[in-house]
């Protein structure tokens, strides 16, 4: 899952070849609504540069850009006062289904600890 004819789904969305509900984008990062939301607000914050997973990040600025975008998106959407959860799955066993780094921004309900 995550590759279409050998092409990365998120790279294809970034390039505009596959439609998505994009809520923000700049030269480095874009944010889309998850197609299978797990909370009332479920966004994906994605670097435009293809990085397979958190384990493959070699440039610290990638983390800086996606994390800053996640926090700024929560602020812009007015969800930061109530709280939100940021989730990064790394690898298939952790639940990563698209092999391209992305952060889940979840909000709009209470979350349990520990996560499942």
C-alpha atoms as a PDB file:
ATOM      1  CA  UNK A   1       0.000   0.000   0.000  1.00  0.00           C
ATOM      2  CA  UNK A   2       1.186   3.535  -0.586  1.00  0.00           C
ATOM      3  CA  UNK A   3       2.728   2.997  -4.006  1.00  0.00           C
ATOM      4  CA  UNK A   4       0.864   3.288  -7.288  1.00  0.00           C
ATOM      5  CA  UNK A   5       2.688   1.689 -10.204  1.00  0.00           C
ATOM      6  CA  UNK A   6       5.939   2.203  -8.308  1.00  0.00           C
ATOM      7  CA  UNK A   7       5.113   5.817  -7.413  1.00  0.00           C
ATOM      8  CA  UNK A   8       4.627   7.143  -3.893  1.00  0.00           C
ATOM      9  CA  UNK A   9       1.049   8.227  -3.144  1.00  0.00           C
ATOM     10  CA  UNK A  10       2.129  11.312  -1.159  1.00  0.00           C
ATOM     11  CA  UNK A  11       4.651  12.341  -3.839  1.00  0.00           C
ATOM     12  CA  UNK A  12       1.885  12.071  -6.439  1.00  0.00           C
ATOM     13  CA  UNK A  13      -0.441  14.215  -4.291  1.00  0.00           C
ATOM     14  CA  UNK A  14       2.364  16.739  -3.760  1.00  0.00           C
ATOM     15  CA  UNK A  15       2.890  16.970  -7.516  1.00  0.00           C
ATOM     16  CA  UNK A  16      -0.844  17.513  -8.102  1.00  0.00           C
ATOM     17  CA  UNK A  17      -1.299  14.264 -10.029  1.00  0.00           C
ATOM     18  CA  UNK A  18      -3.677  12.760  -7.454  1.00  0.00           C
ATOM     19  CA  UNK A  19      -6.398  14.889  -5.839  1.00  0.00           C
ATOM     20  CA  UNK A  20      -6.591  15.343  -2.084  1.00  0.00           C
ATOM     21  CA  UNK A  21      -8.261  17.704   0.366  1.00  0.00           C
ATOM     22  CA  UNK A  22      -5.251  19.972   0.878  1.00  0.00           C
ATOM     23  CA  UNK A  23      -5.685  22.408   3.767  1.00  0.00           C
ATOM     24  CA  UNK A  24      -2.212  23.982   3.577  1.00  0.00           C
ATOM     25  CA  UNK A  25       0.870  23.886   1.420  1.00  0.00           C
ATOM     26  CA  UNK A  26       4.177  25.646   0.943  1.00  0.00           C
ATOM     27  CA  UNK A  27       7.448  24.781  -0.802  1.00  0.00           C
ATOM     28  CA  UNK A  28       8.484  22.272   1.879  1.00  0.00           C
ATOM     29  CA  UNK A  29       5.377  20.794   3.504  1.00  0.00           C
ATOM     30  CA  UNK A  30       1.701  20.185   2.795  1.00  0.00           C
ATOM     31  CA  UNK A  31      -1.263  19.199   4.942  1.00  0.00           C
ATOM     32  CA  UNK A  32      -4.181  17.027   3.837  1.00  0.00           C
ATOM     33  CA  UNK A  33      -7.270  15.606   5.504  1.00  0.00           C
ATOM     34  CA  UNK A  34      -6.952  11.883   6.194  1.00  0.00           C
ATOM     35  CA  UNK A  35      -9.327   9.809   4.060  1.00  0.00           C
ATOM     36  CA  UNK A  36     -10.022   7.463   6.997  1.00  0.00           C
ATOM     37  CA  UNK A  37     -10.204   9.847   9.975  1.00  0.00           C
ATOM     38  CA  UNK A  38      -9.683   8.472  13.468  1.00  0.00           C
ATOM     39  CA  UNK A  39     -10.846  11.688  15.177  1.00  0.00           C
ATOM     40  CA  UNK A  40     -13.099  14.627  14.275  1.00  0.00           C
ATOM     41  CA  UNK A  41      -9.948  16.405  13.086  1.00  0.00           C
ATOM     42  CA  UNK A  42      -7.410  14.107  11.416  1.00  0.00           C
ATOM     43  CA  UNK A  43      -4.815  15.778   9.239  1.00  0.00           C
ATOM     44  CA  UNK A  44      -1.571  14.508   7.750  1.00  0.00           C
ATOM     45  CA  UNK A  45       1.454  16.816   7.728  1.00  0.00           C
ATOM     46  CA  UNK A  46       3.791  15.673   4.954  1.00  0.00           C
ATOM     47  CA  UNK A  47       7.186  16.878   3.744  1.00  0.00           C
ATOM     48  CA  UNK A  48       7.337  17.350  -0.015  1.00  0.00           C
ATOM     49  CA  UNK A  49      10.761  15.720  -0.029  1.00  0.00           C
ATOM     50  CA  UNK A  50      10.386  11.947  -0.133  1.00  0.00           C
ATOM     51  CA  UNK A  51      11.691  10.438   3.100  1.00  0.00           C
ATOM     52  CA  UNK A  52      10.546   6.876   3.673  1.00  0.00           C
ATOM     53  CA  UNK A  53      10.002   7.069   7.441  1.00  0.00           C
ATOM     54  CA  UNK A  54      11.178   8.689  10.663  1.00  0.00           C
ATOM     55  CA  UNK A  55      14.079   6.243  10.672  1.00  0.00           C
ATOM     56  CA  UNK A  56      15.242   7.629   7.319  1.00  0.00           C
ATOM     57  CA  UNK A  57      15.377  11.333   8.210  1.00  0.00           C
ATOM     58  CA  UNK A  58      18.948  12.515   7.670  1.00  0.00           C
ATOM     59  CA  UNK A  59      18.400  16.274   7.698  1.00  0.00           C
ATOM     60  CA  UNK A  60      17.160  17.839  10.971  1.00  0.00           C
ATOM     61  CA  UNK A  61      15.420  20.614   9.031  1.00  0.00           C
ATOM     62  CA  UNK A  62      12.901  18.044   7.749  1.00  0.00           C
ATOM     63  CA  UNK A  63      11.731  17.486  11.333  1.00  0.00           C
ATOM     64  CA  UNK A  64      11.782  21.205  12.028  1.00  0.00           C
ATOM     65  CA  UNK A  65       9.592  21.970   9.023  1.00  0.00           C
ATOM     66  CA  UNK A  66       6.986  19.258   9.566  1.00  0.00           C
ATOM     67  CA  UNK A  67       6.712  19.801  13.325  1.00  0.00           C
ATOM     68  CA  UNK A  68       6.456  23.578  12.932  1.00  0.00           C
ATOM     69  CA  UNK A  69       3.818  23.110  10.247  1.00  0.00           C
ATOM     70  CA  UNK A  70       1.827  20.752  12.513  1.00  0.00           C
ATOM     71  CA  UNK A  71       1.817  23.250  15.388  1.00  0.00           C
ATOM     72  CA  UNK A  72       1.047  26.206  13.107  1.00  0.00           C
ATOM     73  CA  UNK A  73      -1.780  24.271  11.430  1.00  0.00           C
ATOM     74  CA  UNK A  74      -3.338  23.486  14.822  1.00  0.00           C
ATOM     75  CA  UNK A  75      -3.089  27.170  15.725  1.00  0.00           C
ATOM     76  CA  UNK A  76      -4.535  28.373  12.385  1.00  0.00           C
ATOM     77  CA  UNK A  77      -7.446  25.949  12.661  1.00  0.00           C
ATOM     78  CA  UNK A  78      -8.188  26.998  16.238  1.00  0.00           C
ATOM     79  CA  UNK A  79      -7.696  23.537  17.722  1.00  0.00           C
ATOM     80  CA  UNK A  80      -4.638  24.213  19.867  1.00  0.00           C
ATOM     81  CA  UNK A  81      -6.467  25.515  23.012  1.00  0.00           C
ATOM     82  CA  UNK A  82      -8.308  22.206  23.467  1.00  0.00           C
ATOM     83  CA  UNK A  83      -5.240  20.095  22.794  1.00  0.00           C
ATOM     84  CA  UNK A  84      -4.241  17.745  20.042  1.00  0.00           C
ATOM     85  CA  UNK A  85      -2.129  14.665  19.467  1.00  0.00           C
ATOM     86  CA  UNK A  86       0.767  14.319  17.038  1.00  0.00           C
ATOM     87  CA  UNK A  87       1.568  10.755  15.959  1.00  0.00           C
ATOM     88  CA  UNK A  88       4.422   9.433  13.832  1.00  0.00           C
ATOM     89  CA  UNK A  89       4.280   5.763  12.878  1.00  0.00           C
ATOM     90  CA  UNK A  90       7.633   4.317  11.807  1.00  0.00           C
ATOM     91  CA  UNK A  91       7.454   1.070   9.853  1.00  0.00           C
ATOM     92  CA  UNK A  92       4.695  -1.391   9.072  1.00  0.00           C
ATOM     93  CA  UNK A  93       4.607  -2.981  12.541  1.00  0.00           C
ATOM     94  CA  UNK A  94       3.948   0.469  14.039  1.00  0.00           C
ATOM     95  CA  UNK A  95       1.075   1.081  11.625  1.00  0.00           C
ATOM     96  CA  UNK A  96       2.811   3.104   8.896  1.00  0.00           C
ATOM     97  CA  UNK A  97       0.843   2.258   5.736  1.00  0.00           C
ATOM     98  CA  UNK A  98       2.371   4.846   3.364  1.00  0.00           C
ATOM     99  CA  UNK A  99       6.171   4.694   3.131  1.00  0.00           C
ATOM    100  CA  UNK A 100       6.629   8.476   3.173  1.00  0.00           C
ATOM    101  CA  UNK A 101       7.222  10.351   6.430  1.00  0.00           C
ATOM    102  CA  UNK A 102       4.077  12.028   7.763  1.00  0.00           C
ATOM    103  CA  UNK A 103       2.681  13.267  11.052  1.00  0.00           C
ATOM    104  CA  UNK A 104      -0.903  12.601  12.065  1.00  0.00           C
ATOM    105  CA  UNK A 105      -2.505  15.660  13.689  1.00  0.00           C
ATOM    106  CA  UNK A 106      -5.536  14.468  15.650  1.00  0.00           C
ATOM    107  CA  UNK A 107      -7.985  16.596  17.623  1.00  0.00           C
ATOM    108  CA  UNK A 108     -11.628  17.093  18.522  1.00  0.00           C
ATOM    109  CA  UNK A 109     -11.988  14.338  21.100  1.00  0.00           C
ATOM    110  CA  UNK A 110     -10.277  13.024  24.225  1.00  0.00           C
ATOM    111  CA  UNK A 111      -7.456  10.539  23.746  1.00  0.00           C
ATOM    112  CA  UNK A 112      -6.432   7.696  26.057  1.00  0.00           C
ATOM    113  CA  UNK A 113      -3.002   6.849  27.350  1.00  0.00           C
ATOM    114  CA  UNK A 114      -1.268   4.652  26.561  1.00  0.00           C
ATOM    115  CA  UNK A 115      -2.219   4.716  22.890  1.00  0.00           C
ATOM    116  CA  UNK A 116      -3.168   1.374  21.370  1.00  0.00           C
END
